[in-house]
Amino acid sequence: MLEQIAQMGPMLILGGLAAGWIAEAISRARGYGLIPDMVLGLVGSIAGGGIVLFVTSSDAGMVTVFLIGCAAAALMIIAQRRFWRSARLAT
């Protein structure tokens, strides 16, 4: 289990950072900025990816873990933008 975390953890981190960067690039005016979006993606990726990998407990490949991390981060960013609006735009 510890070996799997050591091998797949960096892929979750990269997936979260990539999803945060892409979210900021797609919708500049609606987010909090690059760093907060990347941190939110990182948190979502590690939390969601960790849950998925724990529940399935299978030996997924690195690309699969990266995609799981991206998807979990994207869901976290979408939820944040849907339920907690940016104070910059007063919406």
PDB file of N, CA and C in Angstrom:
ATOM      1  N   MET A   1       0.830  -1.191   0.000  1.00  0.00           N
ATOM      2  CA  MET A   1       0.000   0.000   0.000  1.00  0.00           C
ATOM      3  C   MET A   1       0.875   1.255   0.000  1.00  0.00           C
ATOM      4  N   LEU A   2       1.892   1.300   0.826  1.00  0.00           N
ATOM      5  CA  LEU A   2       2.781   2.449   0.897  1.00  0.00           C
ATOM      6  C   LEU A   2       3.541   2.644  -0.411  1.00  0.00           C
ATOM      7  N   GLU A   3       3.907   1.535  -1.024  1.00  0.00           N
ATOM      8  CA  GLU A   3       4.598   1.606  -2.310  1.00  0.00           C
ATOM      9  C   GLU A   3       3.684   2.189  -3.386  1.00  0.00           C
ATOM     10  N   GLN A   4       2.410   1.819  -3.365  1.00  0.00           N
ATOM     11  CA  GLN A   4       1.462   2.345  -4.339  1.00  0.00           C
ATOM     12  C   GLN A   4       1.283   3.853  -4.153  1.00  0.00           C
ATOM     13  N   ILE A   5       1.234   4.298  -2.920  1.00  0.00           N
ATOM     14  CA  ILE A   5       1.110   5.733  -2.650  1.00  0.00           C
ATOM     15  C   ILE A   5       2.340   6.480  -3.142  1.00  0.00           C
ATOM     16  N   ALA A   6       3.502   5.922  -2.915  1.00  0.00           N
ATOM     17  CA  ALA A   6       4.738   6.565  -3.357  1.00  0.00           C
ATOM     18  C   ALA A   6       4.833   6.632  -4.876  1.00  0.00           C
ATOM     19  N   GLN A   7       4.297   5.664  -5.563  1.00  0.00           N
ATOM     20  CA  GLN A   7       4.368   5.657  -7.014  1.00  0.00           C
ATOM     21  C   GLN A   7       3.258   6.483  -7.654  1.00  0.00           C
ATOM     22  N   MET A   8       2.073   6.444  -7.101  1.00  0.00           N
ATOM     23  CA  MET A   8       0.936   7.093  -7.732  1.00  0.00           C
ATOM     24  C   MET A   8       0.657   8.487  -7.185  1.00  0.00           C
ATOM     25  N   GLY A   9       1.198   8.825  -6.043  1.00  0.00           N
ATOM     26  CA  GLY A   9       1.000  10.159  -5.469  1.00  0.00           C
ATOM     27  C   GLY A   9       1.442  11.283  -6.381  1.00  0.00           C
ATOM     28  N   PRO A  10       2.641  11.192  -6.968  1.00  0.00           N
ATOM     29  CA  PRO A  10       3.051  12.264  -7.887  1.00  0.00           C
ATOM     30  C   PRO A  10       2.127  12.428  -9.086  1.00  0.00           C
ATOM     31  N   MET A  11       1.520  11.357  -9.557  1.00  0.00           N
ATOM     32  CA  MET A  11       0.596  11.469 -10.685  1.00  0.00           C
ATOM     33  C   MET A  11      -0.689  12.187 -10.263  1.00  0.00           C
ATOM     34  N   LEU A  12      -1.141  11.969  -9.033  1.00  0.00           N
ATOM     35  CA  LEU A  12      -2.296  12.700  -8.537  1.00  0.00           C
ATOM     36  C   LEU A  12      -1.966  14.184  -8.402  1.00  0.00           C
ATOM     37  N   ILE A  13      -0.768  14.484  -7.925  1.00  0.00           N
ATOM     38  CA  ILE A  13      -0.339  15.872  -7.788  1.00  0.00           C
ATOM     39  C   ILE A  13      -0.280  16.546  -9.150  1.00  0.00           C
ATOM     40  N   LEU A  14       0.326  15.886 -10.121  1.00  0.00           N
ATOM     41  CA  LEU A  14       0.403  16.454 -11.465  1.00  0.00           C
ATOM     42  C   LEU A  14      -0.982  16.629 -12.083  1.00  0.00           C
ATOM     43  N   GLY A  15      -1.853  15.672 -11.874  1.00  0.00           N
ATOM     44  CA  GLY A  15      -3.223  15.769 -12.390  1.00  0.00           C
ATOM     45  C   GLY A  15      -3.974  16.947 -11.788  1.00  0.00           C
ATOM     46  N   GLY A  16      -3.822  17.158 -10.495  1.00  0.00           N
ATOM     47  CA  GLY A  16      -4.488  18.281  -9.837  1.00  0.00           C
ATOM     48  C   GLY A  16      -3.961  19.623 -10.300  1.00  0.00           C
ATOM     49  N   LEU A  17      -2.644  19.726 -10.422  1.00  0.00           N
ATOM     50  CA  LEU A  17      -2.052  20.978 -10.895  1.00  0.00           C
ATOM     51  C   LEU A  17      -2.435  21.262 -12.343  1.00  0.00           C
ATOM     52  N   ALA A  18      -2.458  20.221 -13.163  1.00  0.00           N
ATOM     53  CA  ALA A  18      -2.842  20.399 -14.564  1.00  0.00           C
ATOM     54  C   ALA A  18      -4.302  20.840 -14.680  1.00  0.00           C
ATOM     55  N   ALA A  19      -5.176  20.249 -13.903  1.00  0.00           N
ATOM     56  CA  ALA A  19      -6.592  20.624 -13.957  1.00  0.00           C
ATOM     57  C   ALA A  19      -6.796  22.057 -13.468  1.00  0.00           C
ATOM     58  N   GLY A  20      -6.071  22.472 -12.440  1.00  0.00           N
ATOM     59  CA  GLY A  20      -6.165  23.852 -11.965  1.00  0.00           C
ATOM     60  C   GLY A  20      -5.672  24.841 -12.997  1.00  0.00           C
ATOM     61  N   TRP A  21      -4.591  24.509 -13.680  1.00  0.00           N
ATOM     62  CA  TRP A  21      -4.045  25.383 -14.716  1.00  0.00           C
ATOM     63  C   TRP A  21      -5.006  25.495 -15.895  1.00  0.00           C
ATOM     64  N   ILE A  22      -5.560  24.361 -16.314  1.00  0.00           N
ATOM     65  CA  ILE A  22      -6.501  24.371 -17.437  1.00  0.00           C
ATOM     66  C   ILE A  22      -7.769  25.145 -17.069  1.00  0.00           C
ATOM     67  N   ALA A  23      -8.249  24.978 -15.843  1.00  0.00           N
ATOM     68  CA  ALA A  23      -9.448  25.706 -15.410  1.00  0.00           C
ATOM     69  C   ALA A  23      -9.205  27.205 -15.435  1.00  0.00           C
ATOM     70  N   GLU A  24      -8.040  27.631 -15.007  1.00  0.00           N
ATOM     71  CA  GLU A  24      -7.719  29.053 -15.027  1.00  0.00           C
ATOM     72  C   GLU A  24      -7.576  29.566 -16.454  1.00  0.00           C
ATOM     73  N   ALA A  25      -6.996  28.761 -17.328  1.00  0.00           N
ATOM     74  CA  ALA A  25      -6.802  29.177 -18.717  1.00  0.00           C
ATOM     75  C   ALA A  25      -8.130  29.284 -19.456  1.00  0.00           C
ATOM     76  N   ILE A  26      -9.067  28.420 -19.134  1.00  0.00           N
ATOM     77  CA  ILE A  26     -10.354  28.422 -19.830  1.00  0.00           C
ATOM     78  C   ILE A  26     -11.232  29.579 -19.381  1.00  0.00           C
ATOM     79  N   SER A  27     -11.278  29.843 -18.099  1.00  0.00           N
ATOM     80  CA  SER A  27     -12.197  30.866 -17.587  1.00  0.00           C
ATOM     81  C   SER A  27     -11.451  31.815 -16.661  1.00  0.00           C
ATOM     82  N   ARG A  28     -10.752  32.759 -17.216  1.00  0.00           N
ATOM     83  CA  ARG A  28      -9.942  33.692 -16.434  1.00  0.00           C
ATOM     84  C   ARG A  28     -10.776  34.572 -15.502  1.00  0.00           C
ATOM     85  N   ALA A  29     -11.873  35.088 -15.949  1.00  0.00           N
ATOM     86  CA  ALA A  29     -12.617  36.077 -15.168  1.00  0.00           C
ATOM     87  C   ALA A  29     -13.427  35.471 -14.025  1.00  0.00           C
ATOM     88  N   ARG A  30     -13.697  34.189 -14.072  1.00  0.00           N
ATOM     89  CA  ARG A  30     -14.600  33.619 -13.067  1.00  0.00           C
ATOM     90  C   ARG A  30     -13.888  32.931 -11.917  1.00  0.00           C
ATOM     91  N   GLY A  31     -12.594  32.805 -11.944  1.00  0.00           N
ATOM     92  CA  GLY A  31     -11.881  32.101 -10.888  1.00  0.00           C
ATOM     93  C   GLY A  31     -11.243  33.054  -9.902  1.00  0.00           C
ATOM     94  N   TYR A  32     -10.501  32.503  -8.983  1.00  0.00           N
ATOM     95  CA  TYR A  32      -9.793  33.300  -7.992  1.00  0.00           C
ATOM     96  C   TYR A  32      -8.379  33.641  -8.424  1.00  0.00           C
ATOM     97  N   GLY A  33      -7.879  33.009  -9.451  1.00  0.00           N
ATOM     98  CA  GLY A  33      -6.521  33.230  -9.909  1.00  0.00           C
ATOM     99  C   GLY A  33      -5.821  31.897 -10.123  1.00  0.00           C
ATOM    100  N   LEU A  34      -4.623  31.964 -10.666  1.00  0.00           N
ATOM    101  CA  LEU A  34      -3.902  30.749 -11.014  1.00  0.00           C
ATOM    102  C   LEU A  34      -3.534  29.920  -9.786  1.00  0.00           C
ATOM    103  N   ILE A  35      -2.916  30.530  -8.806  1.00  0.00           N
ATOM    104  CA  ILE A  35      -2.450  29.780  -7.626  1.00  0.00           C
ATOM    105  C   ILE A  35      -3.624  29.174  -6.849  1.00  0.00           C
ATOM    106  N   PRO A  36      -4.678  29.942  -6.520  1.00  0.00           N
ATOM    107  CA  PRO A  36      -5.802  29.317  -5.816  1.00  0.00           C
ATOM    108  C   PRO A  36      -6.465  28.194  -6.606  1.00  0.00           C
ATOM    109  N   ASP A  37      -6.585  28.358  -7.928  1.00  0.00           N
ATOM    110  CA  ASP A  37      -7.176  27.287  -8.732  1.00  0.00           C
ATOM    111  C   ASP A  37      -6.300  26.046  -8.730  1.00  0.00           C
ATOM    112  N   MET A  38      -4.989  26.232  -8.782  1.00  0.00           N
ATOM    113  CA  MET A  38      -4.089  25.075  -8.751  1.00  0.00           C
ATOM    114  C   MET A  38      -4.115  24.390  -7.388  1.00  0.00           C
ATOM    115  N   VAL A  39      -4.193  25.174  -6.322  1.00  0.00           N
ATOM    116  CA  VAL A  39      -4.278  24.582  -4.975  1.00  0.00           C
ATOM    117  C   VAL A  39      -5.593  23.830  -4.821  1.00  0.00           C
ATOM    118  N   LEU A  40      -6.684  24.413  -5.308  1.00  0.00           N
ATOM    119  CA  LEU A  40      -7.979  23.737  -5.238  1.00  0.00           C
ATOM    120  C   LEU A  40      -7.957  22.446  -6.046  1.00  0.00           C
ATOM    121  N   GLY A  41      -7.345  22.488  -7.231  1.00  0.00           N
ATOM    122  CA  GLY A  41      -7.205  21.276  -8.038  1.00  0.00           C
ATOM    123  C   GLY A  41      -6.354  20.230  -7.350  1.00  0.00           C
ATOM    124  N   LEU A  42      -5.300  20.664  -6.691  1.00  0.00           N
ATOM    125  CA  LEU A  42      -4.420  19.742  -5.967  1.00  0.00           C
ATOM    126  C   LEU A  42      -5.162  19.051  -4.829  1.00  0.00           C
ATOM    127  N   VAL A  43      -5.915  19.827  -4.077  1.00  0.00           N
ATOM    128  CA  VAL A  43      -6.686  19.253  -2.962  1.00  0.00           C
ATOM    129  C   VAL A  43      -7.738  18.274  -3.483  1.00  0.00           C
ATOM    130  N   GLY A  44      -8.445  18.679  -4.532  1.00  0.00           N
ATOM    131  CA  GLY A  44      -9.465  17.799  -5.104  1.00  0.00           C
ATOM    132  C   GLY A  44      -8.882  16.526  -5.674  1.00  0.00           C
ATOM    133  N   SER A  45      -7.738  16.650  -6.315  1.00  0.00           N
ATOM    134  CA  SER A  45      -7.088  15.486  -6.908  1.00  0.00           C
ATOM    135  C   SER A  45      -6.633  14.494  -5.851  1.00  0.00           C
ATOM    136  N   ILE A  46      -5.994  14.985  -4.822  1.00  0.00           N
ATOM    137  CA  ILE A  46      -5.487  14.086  -3.776  1.00  0.00           C
ATOM    138  C   ILE A  46      -6.642  13.454  -3.004  1.00  0.00           C
ATOM    139  N   ALA A  47      -7.650  14.256  -2.668  1.00  0.00           N
ATOM    140  CA  ALA A  47      -8.787  13.710  -1.909  1.00  0.00           C
ATOM    141  C   ALA A  47      -9.604  12.740  -2.756  1.00  0.00           C
ATOM    142  N   GLY A  48     -10.031  13.187  -3.913  1.00  0.00           N
ATOM    143  CA  GLY A  48     -10.857  12.330  -4.770  1.00  0.00           C
ATOM    144  C   GLY A  48     -10.102  11.134  -5.312  1.00  0.00           C
ATOM    145  N   GLY A  49      -8.876  11.356  -5.757  1.00  0.00           N
ATOM    146  CA  GLY A  49      -8.060  10.258  -6.263  1.00  0.00           C
ATOM    147  C   GLY A  49      -7.724   9.237  -5.189  1.00  0.00           C
ATOM    148  N   GLY A  50      -7.467   9.730  -3.985  1.00  0.00           N
ATOM    149  CA  GLY A  50      -7.197   8.816  -2.877  1.00  0.00           C
ATOM    150  C   GLY A  50      -8.401   7.957  -2.536  1.00  0.00           C
ATOM    151  N   ILE A  51      -9.567   8.560  -2.561  1.00  0.00           N
ATOM    152  CA  ILE A  51     -10.786   7.804  -2.283  1.00  0.00           C
ATOM    153  C   ILE A  51     -11.025   6.753  -3.360  1.00  0.00           C
ATOM    154  N   VAL A  52     -10.886   7.151  -4.622  1.00  0.00           N
ATOM    155  CA  VAL A  52     -11.106   6.194  -5.714  1.00  0.00           C
ATOM    156  C   VAL A  52     -10.105   5.047  -5.640  1.00  0.00           C
ATOM    157  N   LEU A  53      -8.847   5.352  -5.420  1.00  0.00           N
ATOM    158  CA  LEU A  53      -7.835   4.299  -5.355  1.00  0.00           C
ATOM    159  C   LEU A  53      -8.016   3.412  -4.127  1.00  0.00           C
ATOM    160  N   PHE A  54      -8.512   3.988  -3.019  1.00  0.00           N
ATOM    161  CA  PHE A  54      -8.743   3.189  -1.820  1.00  0.00           C
ATOM    162  C   PHE A  54      -9.947   2.266  -2.001  1.00  0.00           C
ATOM    163  N   VAL A  55     -11.004   2.783  -2.612  1.00  0.00           N
ATOM    164  CA  VAL A  55     -12.220   1.988  -2.797  1.00  0.00           C
ATOM    165  C   VAL A  55     -11.994   0.864  -3.803  1.00  0.00           C
ATOM    166  N   THR A  56     -11.333   1.178  -4.909  1.00  0.00           N
ATOM    167  CA  THR A  56     -11.125   0.150  -5.922  1.00  0.00           C
ATOM    168  C   THR A  56      -9.981  -0.787  -5.549  1.00  0.00           C
ATOM    169  N   SER A  57      -8.994  -0.272  -4.856  1.00  0.00           N
ATOM    170  CA  SER A  57      -7.808  -1.024  -4.411  1.00  0.00           C
ATOM    171  C   SER A  57      -7.237  -1.922  -5.506  1.00  0.00           C
ATOM    172  N   SER A  58      -7.092  -1.338  -6.697  1.00  0.00           N
ATOM    173  CA  SER A  58      -6.512  -2.092  -7.799  1.00  0.00           C
ATOM    174  C   SER A  58      -5.198  -1.444  -8.213  1.00  0.00           C
ATOM    175  N   ASP A  59      -4.423  -2.167  -8.963  1.00  0.00           N
ATOM    176  CA  ASP A  59      -3.161  -1.642  -9.459  1.00  0.00           C
ATOM    177  C   ASP A  59      -3.413  -0.921 -10.775  1.00  0.00           C
ATOM    178  N   ALA A  60      -3.772   0.342 -10.676  1.00  0.00           N
ATOM    179  CA  ALA A  60      -4.039   1.144 -11.866  1.00  0.00           C
ATOM    180  C   ALA A  60      -2.720   1.674 -12.408  1.00  0.00           C
ATOM    181  N   GLY A  61      -2.666   1.889 -13.687  1.00  0.00           N
ATOM    182  CA  GLY A  61      -1.477   2.437 -14.313  1.00  0.00           C
ATOM    183  C   GLY A  61      -1.331   3.921 -14.032  1.00  0.00           C
ATOM    184  N   MET A  62      -0.180   4.461 -14.390  1.00  0.00           N
ATOM    185  CA  MET A  62       0.106   5.860 -14.108  1.00  0.00           C
ATOM    186  C   MET A  62      -0.804   6.800 -14.905  1.00  0.00           C
ATOM    187  N   VAL A  63      -1.088   6.460 -16.138  1.00  0.00           N
ATOM    188  CA  VAL A  63      -1.971   7.303 -16.944  1.00  0.00           C
ATOM    189  C   VAL A  63      -3.382   7.293 -16.359  1.00  0.00           C
ATOM    190  N   THR A  64      -3.831   6.146 -15.915  1.00  0.00           N
ATOM    191  CA  THR A  64      -5.156   6.043 -15.305  1.00  0.00           C
ATOM    192  C   THR A  64      -5.232   6.881 -14.038  1.00  0.00           C
ATOM    193  N   VAL A  65      -4.210   6.823 -13.216  1.00  0.00           N
ATOM    194  CA  VAL A  65      -4.192   7.611 -11.984  1.00  0.00           C
ATOM    195  C   VAL A  65      -4.157   9.098 -12.305  1.00  0.00           C
ATOM    196  N   PHE A  66      -3.405   9.487 -13.328  1.00  0.00           N
ATOM    197  CA  PHE A  66      -3.360  10.880 -13.754  1.00  0.00           C
ATOM    198  C   PHE A  66      -4.748  11.352 -14.186  1.00  0.00           C
ATOM    199  N   LEU A  67      -5.447  10.543 -14.962  1.00  0.00           N
ATOM    200  CA  LEU A  67      -6.787  10.900 -15.419  1.00  0.00           C
ATOM    201  C   LEU A  67      -7.789  10.946 -14.263  1.00  0.00           C
ATOM    202  N   ILE A  68      -7.652  10.040 -13.309  1.00  0.00           N
ATOM    203  CA  ILE A  68      -8.509  10.066 -12.117  1.00  0.00           C
ATOM    204  C   ILE A  68      -8.252  11.351 -11.334  1.00  0.00           C
ATOM    205  N   GLY A  69      -6.993  11.720 -11.198  1.00  0.00           N
ATOM    206  CA  GLY A  69      -6.648  12.962 -10.507  1.00  0.00           C
ATOM    207  C   GLY A  69      -7.202  14.186 -11.211  1.00  0.00           C
ATOM    208  N   CYS A  70      -7.106  14.216 -12.538  1.00  0.00           N
ATOM    209  CA  CYS A  70      -7.666  15.330 -13.311  1.00  0.00           C
ATOM    210  C   CYS A  70      -9.176  15.419 -13.134  1.00  0.00           C
ATOM    211  N   ALA A  71      -9.850  14.282 -13.197  1.00  0.00           N
ATOM    212  CA  ALA A  71     -11.305  14.266 -13.060  1.00  0.00           C
ATOM    213  C   ALA A  71     -11.738  14.710 -11.666  1.00  0.00           C
ATOM    214  N   ALA A  72     -11.066  14.233 -10.643  1.00  0.00           N
ATOM    215  CA  ALA A  72     -11.418  14.615  -9.280  1.00  0.00           C
ATOM    216  C   ALA A  72     -11.157  16.103  -9.053  1.00  0.00           C
ATOM    217  N   ALA A  73     -10.062  16.607  -9.590  1.00  0.00           N
ATOM    218  CA  ALA A  73      -9.758  18.026  -9.449  1.00  0.00           C
ATOM    219  C   ALA A  73     -10.779  18.873 -10.206  1.00  0.00           C
ATOM    220  N   ALA A  74     -11.153  18.433 -11.389  1.00  0.00           N
ATOM    221  CA  ALA A  74     -12.144  19.172 -12.171  1.00  0.00           C
ATOM    222  C   ALA A  74     -13.482  19.229 -11.441  1.00  0.00           C
ATOM    223  N   LEU A  75     -13.881  18.122 -10.829  1.00  0.00           N
ATOM    224  CA  LEU A  75     -15.133  18.124 -10.066  1.00  0.00           C
ATOM    225  C   LEU A  75     -15.069  19.088  -8.888  1.00  0.00           C
ATOM    226  N   MET A  76     -13.912  19.160  -8.232  1.00  0.00           N
ATOM    227  CA  MET A  76     -13.747  20.068  -7.103  1.00  0.00           C
ATOM    228  C   MET A  76     -13.813  21.521  -7.564  1.00  0.00           C
ATOM    229  N   ILE A  77     -13.181  21.829  -8.677  1.00  0.00           N
ATOM    230  CA  ILE A  77     -13.187  23.201  -9.197  1.00  0.00           C
ATOM    231  C   ILE A  77     -14.585  23.592  -9.666  1.00  0.00           C
ATOM    232  N   ILE A  78     -15.268  22.693 -10.332  1.00  0.00           N
ATOM    233  CA  ILE A  78     -16.636  22.967 -10.785  1.00  0.00           C
ATOM    234  C   ILE A  78     -17.550  23.200  -9.588  1.00  0.00           C
ATOM    235  N   ALA A  79     -17.421  22.381  -8.558  1.00  0.00           N
ATOM    236  CA  ALA A  79     -18.251  22.553  -7.364  1.00  0.00           C
ATOM    237  C   ALA A  79     -17.964  23.891  -6.684  1.00  0.00           C
ATOM    238  N   GLN A  80     -16.695  24.271  -6.625  1.00  0.00           N
ATOM    239  CA  GLN A  80     -16.341  25.554  -6.011  1.00  0.00           C
ATOM    240  C   GLN A  80     -16.931  26.708  -6.790  1.00  0.00           C
ATOM    241  N   ARG A  81     -16.842  26.661  -8.096  1.00  0.00           N
ATOM    242  CA  ARG A  81     -17.359  27.763  -8.911  1.00  0.00           C
ATOM    243  C   ARG A  81     -18.880  27.787  -8.947  1.00  0.00           C
ATOM    244  N   ARG A  82     -19.469  26.657  -8.728  1.00  0.00           N
ATOM    245  CA  ARG A  82     -20.938  26.585  -8.744  1.00  0.00           C
ATOM    246  C   ARG A  82     -21.536  27.102  -7.438  1.00  0.00           C
ATOM    247  N   PHE A  83     -20.931  26.741  -6.300  1.00  0.00           N
ATOM    248  CA  PHE A  83     -21.531  27.034  -5.000  1.00  0.00           C
ATOM    249  C   PHE A  83     -20.866  28.161  -4.224  1.00  0.00           C
ATOM    250  N   TRP A  84     -19.647  28.573  -4.608  1.00  0.00           N
ATOM    251  CA  TRP A  84     -18.942  29.613  -3.866  1.00  0.00           C
ATOM    252  C   TRP A  84     -18.378  30.582  -4.884  1.00  0.00           C
ATOM    253  N   ARG A  85     -19.139  31.591  -5.200  1.00  0.00           N
ATOM    254  CA  ARG A  85     -18.803  32.529  -6.259  1.00  0.00           C
ATOM    255  C   ARG A  85     -17.613  33.408  -5.875  1.00  0.00           C
ATOM    256  N   SER A  86     -16.967  33.949  -6.881  1.00  0.00           N
ATOM    257  CA  SER A  86     -15.816  34.828  -6.700  1.00  0.00           C
ATOM    258  C   SER A  86     -16.265  36.179  -6.133  1.00  0.00           C
ATOM    259  N   ALA A  87     -15.534  36.675  -5.157  1.00  0.00           N
ATOM    260  CA  ALA A  87     -15.843  37.956  -4.573  1.00  0.00           C
ATOM    261  C   ALA A  87     -15.435  39.093  -5.495  1.00  0.00           C
ATOM    262  N   ARG A  88     -14.514  38.820  -6.429  1.00  0.00           N
ATOM    263  CA  ARG A  88     -14.061  39.849  -7.364  1.00  0.00           C
ATOM    264  C   ARG A  88     -15.180  40.342  -8.262  1.00  0.00           C
ATOM    265  N   LEU A  89     -16.056  39.463  -8.664  1.00  0.00           N
ATOM    266  CA  LEU A  89     -17.117  39.829  -9.586  1.00  0.00           C
ATOM    267  C   LEU A  89     -18.423  40.175  -8.888  1.00  0.00           C
ATOM    268  N   ALA A  90     -18.437  40.031  -7.573  1.00  0.00           N
ATOM    269  CA  ALA A  90     -19.636  40.306  -6.779  1.00  0.00           C
ATOM    270  C   ALA A  90     -20.829  39.518  -7.283  1.00  0.00           C
ATOM    271  N   THR A  91     -20.599  38.235  -7.571  1.00  0.00           N
ATOM    272  CA  THR A  91     -21.700  37.388  -8.037  1.00  0.00           C
ATOM    273  C   THR A  91     -21.963  36.279  -7.054  1.00  0.00           C
TER     274      THR A  91
END
